[in-house]
């Protein structure tokens, strides 16, 4: 579907990114550069969609009272219209991102989901879909009972209004616990699936990435499999239709690269791009993301500051 707003429903968390060099040293200190940043797969997708030109991006998420104002400010600074439900009992989810700078900036997550997975159908309103052309669901919602109920409610409401629904499986580790058959049953009816290479393999039991993408496209109208430095595959109707090359980048932190791809991909679809062109936009955003620390694009404040510094240098 072309035009309309993008509504993202998903997780908003606080990322603690620790960049270290080489293996961790058990029982003692490992020197690191540590930053606390706003994150969450759903929130990151929304921010990258706005950054890549989607003029109306909305986000439904759940946070704790202790950081609600900060997260709201950060989302607004990225051009997102947030609707954050404040959980009365739990704090905002926290993810510790361990990034090994000696291993292509590959990251390992320690995840405390906190309030982020406690979204429920009671937090949903059909009015959220007013003017919306696409609904995107974070796969993290599927890893809680209330989140699964919300996925069903939101997807049904979107389809009733003629909006397309996309979903990113989000986590190979959590997906393995949930099980492939259960996942596929829960997301039946989704229009666009955006798995990583590992997630596609888990869902199909196939080791060849192209075969896995093709197999998934027998279950979903469109599958776009994200393969990081190997680009992306676009599949429909049981066949891979396009192999989209990656964009060269020097990785600093791979946190959120898949979210950047998804956000840019959805923004491009909403402006009328075909799936292959949109996937190329996703690859460009992913390359931009891995050269930054954290999972978000630069805000308007950062961009202005960078432009000002450059002007002073010249």
C-alpha atoms as a PDB file:
ATOM      1  CA  UNK A   1       0.000   0.000   0.000  1.00  0.00           C
ATOM      2  CA  UNK A   2       1.281   3.466  -0.932  1.00  0.00           C
ATOM      3  CA  UNK A   3       0.773   6.506   1.286  1.00  0.00           C
ATOM      4  CA  UNK A   4      -0.538   6.932   4.784  1.00  0.00           C
ATOM      5  CA  UNK A   5       1.195   6.839   8.134  1.00  0.00           C
ATOM      6  CA  UNK A   6       3.287   4.053   9.626  1.00  0.00           C
ATOM      7  CA  UNK A   7       2.226   2.710  13.004  1.00  0.00           C
ATOM      8  CA  UNK A   8       4.785   0.632  14.882  1.00  0.00           C
ATOM      9  CA  UNK A   9       3.770  -1.441  17.892  1.00  0.00           C
ATOM     10  CA  UNK A  10       6.633  -2.806  19.934  1.00  0.00           C
ATOM     11  CA  UNK A  11       9.338  -2.494  22.500  1.00  0.00           C
ATOM     12  CA  UNK A  12      10.917   0.634  23.924  1.00  0.00           C
ATOM     13  CA  UNK A  13      13.946  -0.131  26.084  1.00  0.00           C
ATOM     14  CA  UNK A  14      17.073   1.431  27.515  1.00  0.00           C
ATOM     15  CA  UNK A  15      20.273   0.155  25.902  1.00  0.00           C
ATOM     16  CA  UNK A  16      23.529   0.007  27.848  1.00  0.00           C
ATOM     17  CA  UNK A  17      26.128  -0.423  25.111  1.00  0.00           C
ATOM     18  CA  UNK A  18      29.526  -1.690  26.257  1.00  0.00           C
ATOM     19  CA  UNK A  19      32.147  -1.713  23.499  1.00  0.00           C
ATOM     20  CA  UNK A  20      35.167  -3.853  24.400  1.00  0.00           C
ATOM     21  CA  UNK A  21      38.116  -5.282  22.497  1.00  0.00           C
ATOM     22  CA  UNK A  22      38.552  -9.049  22.397  1.00  0.00           C
ATOM     23  CA  UNK A  23      37.136 -11.703  24.735  1.00  0.00           C
ATOM     24  CA  UNK A  24      35.706 -10.762  28.119  1.00  0.00           C
ATOM     25  CA  UNK A  25      38.051 -11.443  31.043  1.00  0.00           C
ATOM     26  CA  UNK A  26      36.181 -13.668  33.548  1.00  0.00           C
ATOM     27  CA  UNK A  27      36.641 -12.794  37.195  1.00  0.00           C
ATOM     28  CA  UNK A  28      38.246  -9.410  36.580  1.00  0.00           C
ATOM     29  CA  UNK A  29      37.898  -6.169  34.612  1.00  0.00           C
ATOM     30  CA  UNK A  30      37.519  -5.746  30.871  1.00  0.00           C
ATOM     31  CA  UNK A  31      38.162  -2.195  29.708  1.00  0.00           C
ATOM     32  CA  UNK A  32      35.131  -0.869  27.801  1.00  0.00           C
ATOM     33  CA  UNK A  33      33.522   2.271  26.470  1.00  0.00           C
ATOM     34  CA  UNK A  34      29.984   2.339  27.884  1.00  0.00           C
ATOM     35  CA  UNK A  35      27.034   4.501  26.858  1.00  0.00           C
ATOM     36  CA  UNK A  36      23.384   4.528  27.920  1.00  0.00           C
ATOM     37  CA  UNK A  37      21.090   5.097  24.949  1.00  0.00           C
ATOM     38  CA  UNK A  38      17.417   4.799  23.984  1.00  0.00           C
ATOM     39  CA  UNK A  39      16.631   1.579  22.133  1.00  0.00           C
ATOM     40  CA  UNK A  40      14.167  -1.225  21.550  1.00  0.00           C
ATOM     41  CA  UNK A  41      13.514  -2.944  18.227  1.00  0.00           C
ATOM     42  CA  UNK A  42      10.101  -1.374  17.731  1.00  0.00           C
ATOM     43  CA  UNK A  43      11.264   2.099  18.714  1.00  0.00           C
ATOM     44  CA  UNK A  44      14.362   1.818  16.523  1.00  0.00           C
ATOM     45  CA  UNK A  45      12.288   0.831  13.479  1.00  0.00           C
ATOM     46  CA  UNK A  46      10.022   3.848  14.008  1.00  0.00           C
ATOM     47  CA  UNK A  47      12.982   6.220  14.321  1.00  0.00           C
ATOM     48  CA  UNK A  48      14.711   4.915  11.196  1.00  0.00           C
ATOM     49  CA  UNK A  49      11.470   5.122   9.195  1.00  0.00           C
ATOM     50  CA  UNK A  50      11.145   8.786  10.163  1.00  0.00           C
ATOM     51  CA  UNK A  51      14.842   9.386   9.438  1.00  0.00           C
ATOM     52  CA  UNK A  52      14.458   7.884   5.957  1.00  0.00           C
ATOM     53  CA  UNK A  53      11.609  10.191   5.013  1.00  0.00           C
ATOM     54  CA  UNK A  54       8.333   8.773   6.308  1.00  0.00           C
ATOM     55  CA  UNK A  55       6.482  11.955   7.330  1.00  0.00           C
ATOM     56  CA  UNK A  56       4.068  10.398   9.837  1.00  0.00           C
ATOM     57  CA  UNK A  57       5.442   7.667  12.086  1.00  0.00           C
ATOM     58  CA  UNK A  58       3.646   6.616  15.252  1.00  0.00           C
ATOM     59  CA  UNK A  59       4.714   4.240  18.004  1.00  0.00           C
ATOM     60  CA  UNK A  60       2.800   2.365  20.673  1.00  0.00           C
ATOM     61  CA  UNK A  61       4.987   1.029  23.468  1.00  0.00           C
ATOM     62  CA  UNK A  62       5.113   0.465  27.219  1.00  0.00           C
ATOM     63  CA  UNK A  63       7.691   1.874  29.637  1.00  0.00           C
ATOM     64  CA  UNK A  64       8.286   2.444  33.316  1.00  0.00           C
ATOM     65  CA  UNK A  65       7.600   5.781  34.963  1.00  0.00           C
ATOM     66  CA  UNK A  66      11.279   6.332  35.812  1.00  0.00           C
ATOM     67  CA  UNK A  67      12.324   6.938  32.189  1.00  0.00           C
ATOM     68  CA  UNK A  68       9.073   7.667  30.338  1.00  0.00           C
ATOM     69  CA  UNK A  69       9.791  11.365  29.839  1.00  0.00           C
ATOM     70  CA  UNK A  70      13.318  10.690  28.532  1.00  0.00           C
ATOM     71  CA  UNK A  71      12.127   8.074  26.044  1.00  0.00           C
ATOM     72  CA  UNK A  72       9.325  10.314  24.852  1.00  0.00           C
ATOM     73  CA  UNK A  73      11.748  13.204  24.265  1.00  0.00           C
ATOM     74  CA  UNK A  74      14.162  10.980  22.363  1.00  0.00           C
ATOM     75  CA  UNK A  75      11.430   9.590  20.121  1.00  0.00           C
ATOM     76  CA  UNK A  76      10.051  13.045  19.353  1.00  0.00           C
ATOM     77  CA  UNK A  77      13.585  14.235  18.533  1.00  0.00           C
ATOM     78  CA  UNK A  78      13.724  11.468  15.909  1.00  0.00           C
ATOM     79  CA  UNK A  79      10.459  12.615  14.354  1.00  0.00           C
ATOM     80  CA  UNK A  80       8.240   9.917  15.881  1.00  0.00           C
ATOM     81  CA  UNK A  81       4.835  10.506  17.475  1.00  0.00           C
ATOM     82  CA  UNK A  82       4.936   8.291  20.582  1.00  0.00           C
ATOM     83  CA  UNK A  83       2.082   6.882  22.592  1.00  0.00           C
ATOM     84  CA  UNK A  84       3.836   5.430  25.620  1.00  0.00           C
ATOM     85  CA  UNK A  85       1.801   3.510  28.182  1.00  0.00           C
ATOM     86  CA  UNK A  86       3.327   3.819  31.658  1.00  0.00           C
ATOM     87  CA  UNK A  87       3.439   0.519  33.484  1.00  0.00           C
ATOM     88  CA  UNK A  88       2.345   0.900  37.127  1.00  0.00           C
ATOM     89  CA  UNK A  89       4.592  -1.891  38.412  1.00  0.00           C
ATOM     90  CA  UNK A  90       7.646  -2.498  36.221  1.00  0.00           C
ATOM     91  CA  UNK A  91      10.526  -0.311  35.097  1.00  0.00           C
ATOM     92  CA  UNK A  92      11.462   0.180  31.465  1.00  0.00           C
ATOM     93  CA  UNK A  93      13.150  -2.816  29.857  1.00  0.00           C
ATOM     94  CA  UNK A  94      16.936  -2.774  29.738  1.00  0.00           C
ATOM     95  CA  UNK A  95      19.290  -4.444  27.265  1.00  0.00           C
ATOM     96  CA  UNK A  96      23.012  -4.689  27.906  1.00  0.00           C
ATOM     97  CA  UNK A  97      24.693  -4.788  24.493  1.00  0.00           C
ATOM     98  CA  UNK A  98      28.196  -6.263  24.569  1.00  0.00           C
ATOM     99  CA  UNK A  99      29.967  -5.207  21.377  1.00  0.00           C
ATOM    100  CA  UNK A 100      33.312  -6.833  20.541  1.00  0.00           C
ATOM    101  CA  UNK A 101      35.234  -4.295  18.461  1.00  0.00           C
ATOM    102  CA  UNK A 102      37.667  -7.031  17.409  1.00  0.00           C
ATOM    103  CA  UNK A 103      34.900  -9.214  15.935  1.00  0.00           C
ATOM    104  CA  UNK A 104      33.342  -7.007  13.230  1.00  0.00           C
ATOM    105  CA  UNK A 105      31.482  -5.124  16.004  1.00  0.00           C
ATOM    106  CA  UNK A 106      29.285  -8.166  16.590  1.00  0.00           C
ATOM    107  CA  UNK A 107      27.004  -7.821  19.603  1.00  0.00           C
ATOM    108  CA  UNK A 108      25.615 -10.028  22.336  1.00  0.00           C
ATOM    109  CA  UNK A 109      22.496  -9.008  24.256  1.00  0.00           C
ATOM    110  CA  UNK A 110      21.613  -9.455  27.915  1.00  0.00           C
ATOM    111  CA  UNK A 111      17.901  -8.680  28.040  1.00  0.00           C
ATOM    112  CA  UNK A 112      15.578  -7.672  30.859  1.00  0.00           C
ATOM    113  CA  UNK A 113      12.310  -6.994  29.055  1.00  0.00           C
ATOM    114  CA  UNK A 114      10.755  -5.130  31.975  1.00  0.00           C
ATOM    115  CA  UNK A 115       7.633  -3.206  30.996  1.00  0.00           C
ATOM    116  CA  UNK A 116       8.254  -3.534  27.247  1.00  0.00           C
ATOM    117  CA  UNK A 117       6.517  -6.893  26.814  1.00  0.00           C
ATOM    118  CA  UNK A 118       3.518  -6.011  28.974  1.00  0.00           C
ATOM    119  CA  UNK A 119       1.550  -4.283  26.232  1.00  0.00           C
ATOM    120  CA  UNK A 120      -1.972  -5.706  26.182  1.00  0.00           C
ATOM    121  CA  UNK A 121      -5.091  -5.382  24.013  1.00  0.00           C
ATOM    122  CA  UNK A 122      -6.321  -2.908  26.640  1.00  0.00           C
ATOM    123  CA  UNK A 123      -3.562  -0.535  25.475  1.00  0.00           C
ATOM    124  CA  UNK A 124      -4.855  -0.721  21.909  1.00  0.00           C
ATOM    125  CA  UNK A 125      -7.301   1.658  20.274  1.00  0.00           C
ATOM    126  CA  UNK A 126      -8.558   1.421  16.701  1.00  0.00           C
ATOM    127  CA  UNK A 127      -8.116   5.198  16.550  1.00  0.00           C
ATOM    128  CA  UNK A 128      -4.361   4.560  16.401  1.00  0.00           C
ATOM    129  CA  UNK A 129      -4.954   3.394  12.825  1.00  0.00           C
ATOM    130  CA  UNK A 130      -6.565   6.622  11.615  1.00  0.00           C
ATOM    131  CA  UNK A 131      -4.690   7.558   8.455  1.00  0.00           C
ATOM    132  CA  UNK A 132      -2.339   4.559   8.730  1.00  0.00           C
ATOM    133  CA  UNK A 133      -1.217   2.748   5.581  1.00  0.00           C
ATOM    134  CA  UNK A 134       1.025   0.165   7.254  1.00  0.00           C
ATOM    135  CA  UNK A 135       1.198  -1.468  10.671  1.00  0.00           C
ATOM    136  CA  UNK A 136       4.518  -2.925  11.781  1.00  0.00           C
ATOM    137  CA  UNK A 137       4.704  -5.335  14.721  1.00  0.00           C
ATOM    138  CA  UNK A 138       7.861  -6.144  16.645  1.00  0.00           C
ATOM    139  CA  UNK A 139       8.337  -9.875  17.036  1.00  0.00           C
ATOM    140  CA  UNK A 140       9.253  -9.346  20.681  1.00  0.00           C
ATOM    141  CA  UNK A 141       5.513  -9.015  21.329  1.00  0.00           C
ATOM    142  CA  UNK A 142       5.136 -12.716  20.584  1.00  0.00           C
ATOM    143  CA  UNK A 143       7.236 -13.689  23.587  1.00  0.00           C
ATOM    144  CA  UNK A 144       4.557 -12.805  26.154  1.00  0.00           C
ATOM    145  CA  UNK A 145       0.937 -13.890  26.446  1.00  0.00           C
ATOM    146  CA  UNK A 146      -0.412 -10.343  26.511  1.00  0.00           C
ATOM    147  CA  UNK A 147       1.776  -9.386  23.563  1.00  0.00           C
ATOM    148  CA  UNK A 148       0.460 -12.282  21.502  1.00  0.00           C
ATOM    149  CA  UNK A 149      -3.092 -11.186  22.222  1.00  0.00           C
ATOM    150  CA  UNK A 150      -2.210  -7.638  21.156  1.00  0.00           C
ATOM    151  CA  UNK A 151      -0.673  -8.892  17.896  1.00  0.00           C
ATOM    152  CA  UNK A 152      -3.942 -10.635  17.038  1.00  0.00           C
ATOM    153  CA  UNK A 153      -6.011  -7.588  17.924  1.00  0.00           C
ATOM    154  CA  UNK A 154      -3.845  -5.049  16.106  1.00  0.00           C
ATOM    155  CA  UNK A 155      -3.397  -7.152  12.961  1.00  0.00           C
ATOM    156  CA  UNK A 156      -7.122  -7.854  12.678  1.00  0.00           C
ATOM    157  CA  UNK A 157      -7.926  -4.159  13.109  1.00  0.00           C
ATOM    158  CA  UNK A 158      -5.354  -3.141  10.488  1.00  0.00           C
ATOM    159  CA  UNK A 159      -6.611  -5.638   7.930  1.00  0.00           C
ATOM    160  CA  UNK A 160     -10.199  -4.535   8.543  1.00  0.00           C
ATOM    161  CA  UNK A 161      -9.102  -1.036   7.508  1.00  0.00           C
ATOM    162  CA  UNK A 162      -7.160  -2.219   4.490  1.00  0.00           C
ATOM    163  CA  UNK A 163      -3.720  -1.573   5.994  1.00  0.00           C
ATOM    164  CA  UNK A 164      -0.812  -3.931   5.320  1.00  0.00           C
ATOM    165  CA  UNK A 165       0.836  -5.675   8.295  1.00  0.00           C
ATOM    166  CA  UNK A 166       4.541  -6.459   8.599  1.00  0.00           C
ATOM    167  CA  UNK A 167       6.439  -8.267  11.324  1.00  0.00           C
ATOM    168  CA  UNK A 168      10.086  -8.786  12.238  1.00  0.00           C
ATOM    169  CA  UNK A 169      10.731 -12.004  14.237  1.00  0.00           C
ATOM    170  CA  UNK A 170      13.186  -9.932  16.348  1.00  0.00           C
ATOM    171  CA  UNK A 171      15.264 -12.522  18.220  1.00  0.00           C
ATOM    172  CA  UNK A 172      16.658 -15.875  17.111  1.00  0.00           C
ATOM    173  CA  UNK A 173      17.219 -16.869  20.741  1.00  0.00           C
ATOM    174  CA  UNK A 174      13.660 -16.150  21.872  1.00  0.00           C
ATOM    175  CA  UNK A 175      12.300 -17.587  18.629  1.00  0.00           C
ATOM    176  CA  UNK A 176      14.039 -20.910  19.298  1.00  0.00           C
ATOM    177  CA  UNK A 177      12.305 -21.062  22.684  1.00  0.00           C
ATOM    178  CA  UNK A 178       8.899 -20.227  21.190  1.00  0.00           C
ATOM    179  CA  UNK A 179       9.226 -22.807  18.403  1.00  0.00           C
ATOM    180  CA  UNK A 180       8.874 -22.424  14.642  1.00  0.00           C
ATOM    181  CA  UNK A 181       5.440 -24.053  14.317  1.00  0.00           C
ATOM    182  CA  UNK A 182       3.978 -21.947  17.076  1.00  0.00           C
ATOM    183  CA  UNK A 183       5.471 -18.776  15.613  1.00  0.00           C
ATOM    184  CA  UNK A 184       4.065 -19.479  12.152  1.00  0.00           C
ATOM    185  CA  UNK A 185       0.629 -20.128  13.622  1.00  0.00           C
ATOM    186  CA  UNK A 186       0.706 -16.914  15.635  1.00  0.00           C
ATOM    187  CA  UNK A 187       1.633 -14.712  12.668  1.00  0.00           C
ATOM    188  CA  UNK A 188      -0.663 -16.281  10.088  1.00  0.00           C
ATOM    189  CA  UNK A 189      -2.073 -13.511   7.905  1.00  0.00           C
ATOM    190  CA  UNK A 190       0.921 -11.181   8.167  1.00  0.00           C
ATOM    191  CA  UNK A 191       1.606  -9.585   4.765  1.00  0.00           C
ATOM    192  CA  UNK A 192       5.365  -8.990   5.044  1.00  0.00           C
ATOM    193  CA  UNK A 193       7.880 -10.983   7.090  1.00  0.00           C
ATOM    194  CA  UNK A 194      11.356  -9.530   7.665  1.00  0.00           C
ATOM    195  CA  UNK A 195      13.549 -12.235   9.241  1.00  0.00           C
ATOM    196  CA  UNK A 196      17.300 -12.299   9.689  1.00  0.00           C
ATOM    197  CA  UNK A 197      19.315 -15.130   8.136  1.00  0.00           C
ATOM    198  CA  UNK A 198      19.360 -17.003  11.470  1.00  0.00           C
ATOM    199  CA  UNK A 199      15.636 -16.507  12.040  1.00  0.00           C
ATOM    200  CA  UNK A 200      14.755 -17.726   8.537  1.00  0.00           C
ATOM    201  CA  UNK A 201      16.869 -20.818   9.124  1.00  0.00           C
ATOM    202  CA  UNK A 202      15.192 -21.511  12.466  1.00  0.00           C
ATOM    203  CA  UNK A 203      11.710 -21.132  10.992  1.00  0.00           C
ATOM    204  CA  UNK A 204      12.333 -23.468   8.075  1.00  0.00           C
ATOM    205  CA  UNK A 205      15.072 -25.844   9.225  1.00  0.00           C
ATOM    206  CA  UNK A 206      16.948 -24.980   6.014  1.00  0.00           C
ATOM    207  CA  UNK A 207      20.615 -23.957   6.067  1.00  0.00           C
ATOM    208  CA  UNK A 208      20.683 -22.378   2.604  1.00  0.00           C
ATOM    209  CA  UNK A 209      19.519 -18.738   2.961  1.00  0.00           C
ATOM    210  CA  UNK A 210      17.841 -18.584  -0.450  1.00  0.00           C
ATOM    211  CA  UNK A 211      15.966 -21.830   0.130  1.00  0.00           C
ATOM    212  CA  UNK A 212      14.845 -20.608   3.562  1.00  0.00           C
ATOM    213  CA  UNK A 213      13.567 -17.298   2.181  1.00  0.00           C
ATOM    214  CA  UNK A 214      11.777 -19.070  -0.662  1.00  0.00           C
ATOM    215  CA  UNK A 215      10.143 -21.540   1.718  1.00  0.00           C
ATOM    216  CA  UNK A 216       8.907 -18.780   4.018  1.00  0.00           C
ATOM    217  CA  UNK A 217       7.377 -17.002   1.037  1.00  0.00           C
ATOM    218  CA  UNK A 218       5.011 -19.945   0.702  1.00  0.00           C
ATOM    219  CA  UNK A 219       3.518 -18.823   4.040  1.00  0.00           C
ATOM    220  CA  UNK A 220       3.673 -15.032   3.584  1.00  0.00           C
ATOM    221  CA  UNK A 221       2.908 -12.874   0.531  1.00  0.00           C
ATOM    222  CA  UNK A 222       6.295 -11.139   0.790  1.00  0.00           C
ATOM    223  CA  UNK A 223       9.465 -12.184   2.597  1.00  0.00           C
ATOM    224  CA  UNK A 224      12.509  -9.930   2.822  1.00  0.00           C
ATOM    225  CA  UNK A 225      15.375 -11.771   4.496  1.00  0.00           C
ATOM    226  CA  UNK A 226      18.069  -9.543   6.006  1.00  0.00           C
ATOM    227  CA  UNK A 227      21.608 -10.901   5.668  1.00  0.00           C
ATOM    228  CA  UNK A 228      23.719  -8.061   7.056  1.00  0.00           C
ATOM    229  CA  UNK A 229      26.975  -7.755   5.076  1.00  0.00           C
ATOM    230  CA  UNK A 230      25.535 -10.125   2.460  1.00  0.00           C
ATOM    231  CA  UNK A 231      22.615  -7.839   1.638  1.00  0.00           C
ATOM    232  CA  UNK A 232      19.038  -9.094   1.436  1.00  0.00           C
ATOM    233  CA  UNK A 233      16.793 -11.526  -0.417  1.00  0.00           C
ATOM    234  CA  UNK A 234      13.299 -10.699  -1.680  1.00  0.00           C
ATOM    235  CA  UNK A 235      10.987 -13.698  -2.087  1.00  0.00           C
ATOM    236  CA  UNK A 236       7.399 -14.247  -3.188  1.00  0.00           C
ATOM    237  CA  UNK A 237       5.348 -17.317  -4.005  1.00  0.00           C
ATOM    238  CA  UNK A 238       8.053 -19.834  -3.154  1.00  0.00           C
ATOM    239  CA  UNK A 239      10.867 -18.210  -5.150  1.00  0.00           C
ATOM    240  CA  UNK A 240      13.617 -15.649  -4.575  1.00  0.00           C
ATOM    241  CA  UNK A 241      12.932 -12.768  -6.954  1.00  0.00           C
ATOM    242  CA  UNK A 242      15.834 -10.477  -6.085  1.00  0.00           C
ATOM    243  CA  UNK A 243      19.216 -10.534  -4.392  1.00  0.00           C
ATOM    244  CA  UNK A 244      19.984  -7.064  -3.108  1.00  0.00           C
ATOM    245  CA  UNK A 245      23.659  -6.302  -2.394  1.00  0.00           C
ATOM    246  CA  UNK A 246      24.822  -4.773   0.852  1.00  0.00           C
ATOM    247  CA  UNK A 247      26.344  -1.303   1.031  1.00  0.00           C
ATOM    248  CA  UNK A 248      29.977  -1.155   2.139  1.00  0.00           C
ATOM    249  CA  UNK A 249      30.460   0.063   5.707  1.00  0.00           C
ATOM    250  CA  UNK A 250      33.037   0.003   8.489  1.00  0.00           C
ATOM    251  CA  UNK A 251      31.185  -1.458  11.499  1.00  0.00           C
ATOM    252  CA  UNK A 252      31.383   0.290  14.850  1.00  0.00           C
ATOM    253  CA  UNK A 253      28.338  -1.339  16.463  1.00  0.00           C
ATOM    254  CA  UNK A 254      25.903  -3.690  14.722  1.00  0.00           C
ATOM    255  CA  UNK A 255      23.158  -3.061  17.314  1.00  0.00           C
ATOM    256  CA  UNK A 256      19.961  -2.063  15.529  1.00  0.00           C
ATOM    257  CA  UNK A 257      21.206  -2.604  11.958  1.00  0.00           C
ATOM    258  CA  UNK A 258      18.268  -4.885  11.195  1.00  0.00           C
ATOM    259  CA  UNK A 259      15.875  -2.335  12.687  1.00  0.00           C
ATOM    260  CA  UNK A 260      17.382   0.355  10.461  1.00  0.00           C
ATOM    261  CA  UNK A 261      16.832  -1.876   7.434  1.00  0.00           C
ATOM    262  CA  UNK A 262      13.215  -2.487   8.398  1.00  0.00           C
ATOM    263  CA  UNK A 263      12.449   1.174   9.062  1.00  0.00           C
ATOM    264  CA  UNK A 264      13.926   2.343   5.755  1.00  0.00           C
ATOM    265  CA  UNK A 265      12.281  -0.524   3.870  1.00  0.00           C
ATOM    266  CA  UNK A 266       8.829   0.370   5.204  1.00  0.00           C
ATOM    267  CA  UNK A 267       9.355   4.082   4.579  1.00  0.00           C
ATOM    268  CA  UNK A 268      10.217   3.312   0.951  1.00  0.00           C
ATOM    269  CA  UNK A 269       7.159   1.085   0.477  1.00  0.00           C
ATOM    270  CA  UNK A 270       4.929   3.876   1.749  1.00  0.00           C
ATOM    271  CA  UNK A 271       6.314   6.213  -0.914  1.00  0.00           C
ATOM    272  CA  UNK A 272       5.477   3.726  -3.667  1.00  0.00           C
ATOM    273  CA  UNK A 273       8.763   1.833  -4.085  1.00  0.00           C
ATOM    274  CA  UNK A 274       8.689  -1.800  -5.123  1.00  0.00           C
ATOM    275  CA  UNK A 275      10.064  -4.447  -2.764  1.00  0.00           C
ATOM    276  CA  UNK A 276      13.505  -4.672  -4.394  1.00  0.00           C
ATOM    277  CA  UNK A 277      14.002  -0.904  -4.380  1.00  0.00           C
ATOM    278  CA  UNK A 278      12.777  -0.712  -0.791  1.00  0.00           C
ATOM    279  CA  UNK A 279      15.210  -3.474   0.211  1.00  0.00           C
ATOM    280  CA  UNK A 280      18.050  -1.474  -1.355  1.00  0.00           C
ATOM    281  CA  UNK A 281      16.998   1.481   0.815  1.00  0.00           C
ATOM    282  CA  UNK A 282      17.060  -0.881   3.780  1.00  0.00           C
ATOM    283  CA  UNK A 283      20.621  -1.942   2.968  1.00  0.00           C
ATOM    284  CA  UNK A 284      21.714   1.698   2.806  1.00  0.00           C
ATOM    285  CA  UNK A 285      20.166   2.413   6.194  1.00  0.00           C
ATOM    286  CA  UNK A 286      21.751  -0.718   7.675  1.00  0.00           C
ATOM    287  CA  UNK A 287      25.173   0.453   6.487  1.00  0.00           C
ATOM    288  CA  UNK A 288      24.567   3.843   8.078  1.00  0.00           C
ATOM    289  CA  UNK A 289      23.475   2.194  11.312  1.00  0.00           C
ATOM    290  CA  UNK A 290      26.525  -0.026  11.818  1.00  0.00           C
ATOM    291  CA  UNK A 291      28.817   2.997  11.675  1.00  0.00           C
ATOM    292  CA  UNK A 292      27.043   4.511  14.710  1.00  0.00           C
ATOM    293  CA  UNK A 293      26.972   3.444  18.352  1.00  0.00           C
ATOM    294  CA  UNK A 294      23.498   2.308  19.414  1.00  0.00           C
ATOM    295  CA  UNK A 295      20.402   1.422  17.426  1.00  0.00           C
ATOM    296  CA  UNK A 296      19.033   4.857  16.507  1.00  0.00           C
ATOM    297  CA  UNK A 297      19.686   7.284  13.630  1.00  0.00           C
ATOM    298  CA  UNK A 298      21.046  10.766  14.317  1.00  0.00           C
ATOM    299  CA  UNK A 299      18.454  13.192  15.639  1.00  0.00           C
ATOM    300  CA  UNK A 300      17.844  16.613  14.163  1.00  0.00           C
ATOM    301  CA  UNK A 301      19.869  18.075  17.049  1.00  0.00           C
ATOM    302  CA  UNK A 302      22.853  15.835  16.241  1.00  0.00           C
ATOM    303  CA  UNK A 303      22.635  16.628  12.539  1.00  0.00           C
ATOM    304  CA  UNK A 304      22.551  20.367  13.220  1.00  0.00           C
ATOM    305  CA  UNK A 305      25.514  20.103  15.605  1.00  0.00           C
ATOM    306  CA  UNK A 306      27.544  18.114  13.074  1.00  0.00           C
ATOM    307  CA  UNK A 307      26.769  20.623  10.316  1.00  0.00           C
ATOM    308  CA  UNK A 308      27.773  23.494  12.587  1.00  0.00           C
ATOM    309  CA  UNK A 309      31.083  21.845  13.524  1.00  0.00           C
ATOM    310  CA  UNK A 310      31.839  21.185   9.850  1.00  0.00           C
ATOM    311  CA  UNK A 311      31.104  24.801   8.985  1.00  0.00           C
ATOM    312  CA  UNK A 312      33.490  25.978  11.699  1.00  0.00           C
ATOM    313  CA  UNK A 313      36.239  23.665  10.459  1.00  0.00           C
ATOM    314  CA  UNK A 314      35.956  24.993   6.918  1.00  0.00           C
END
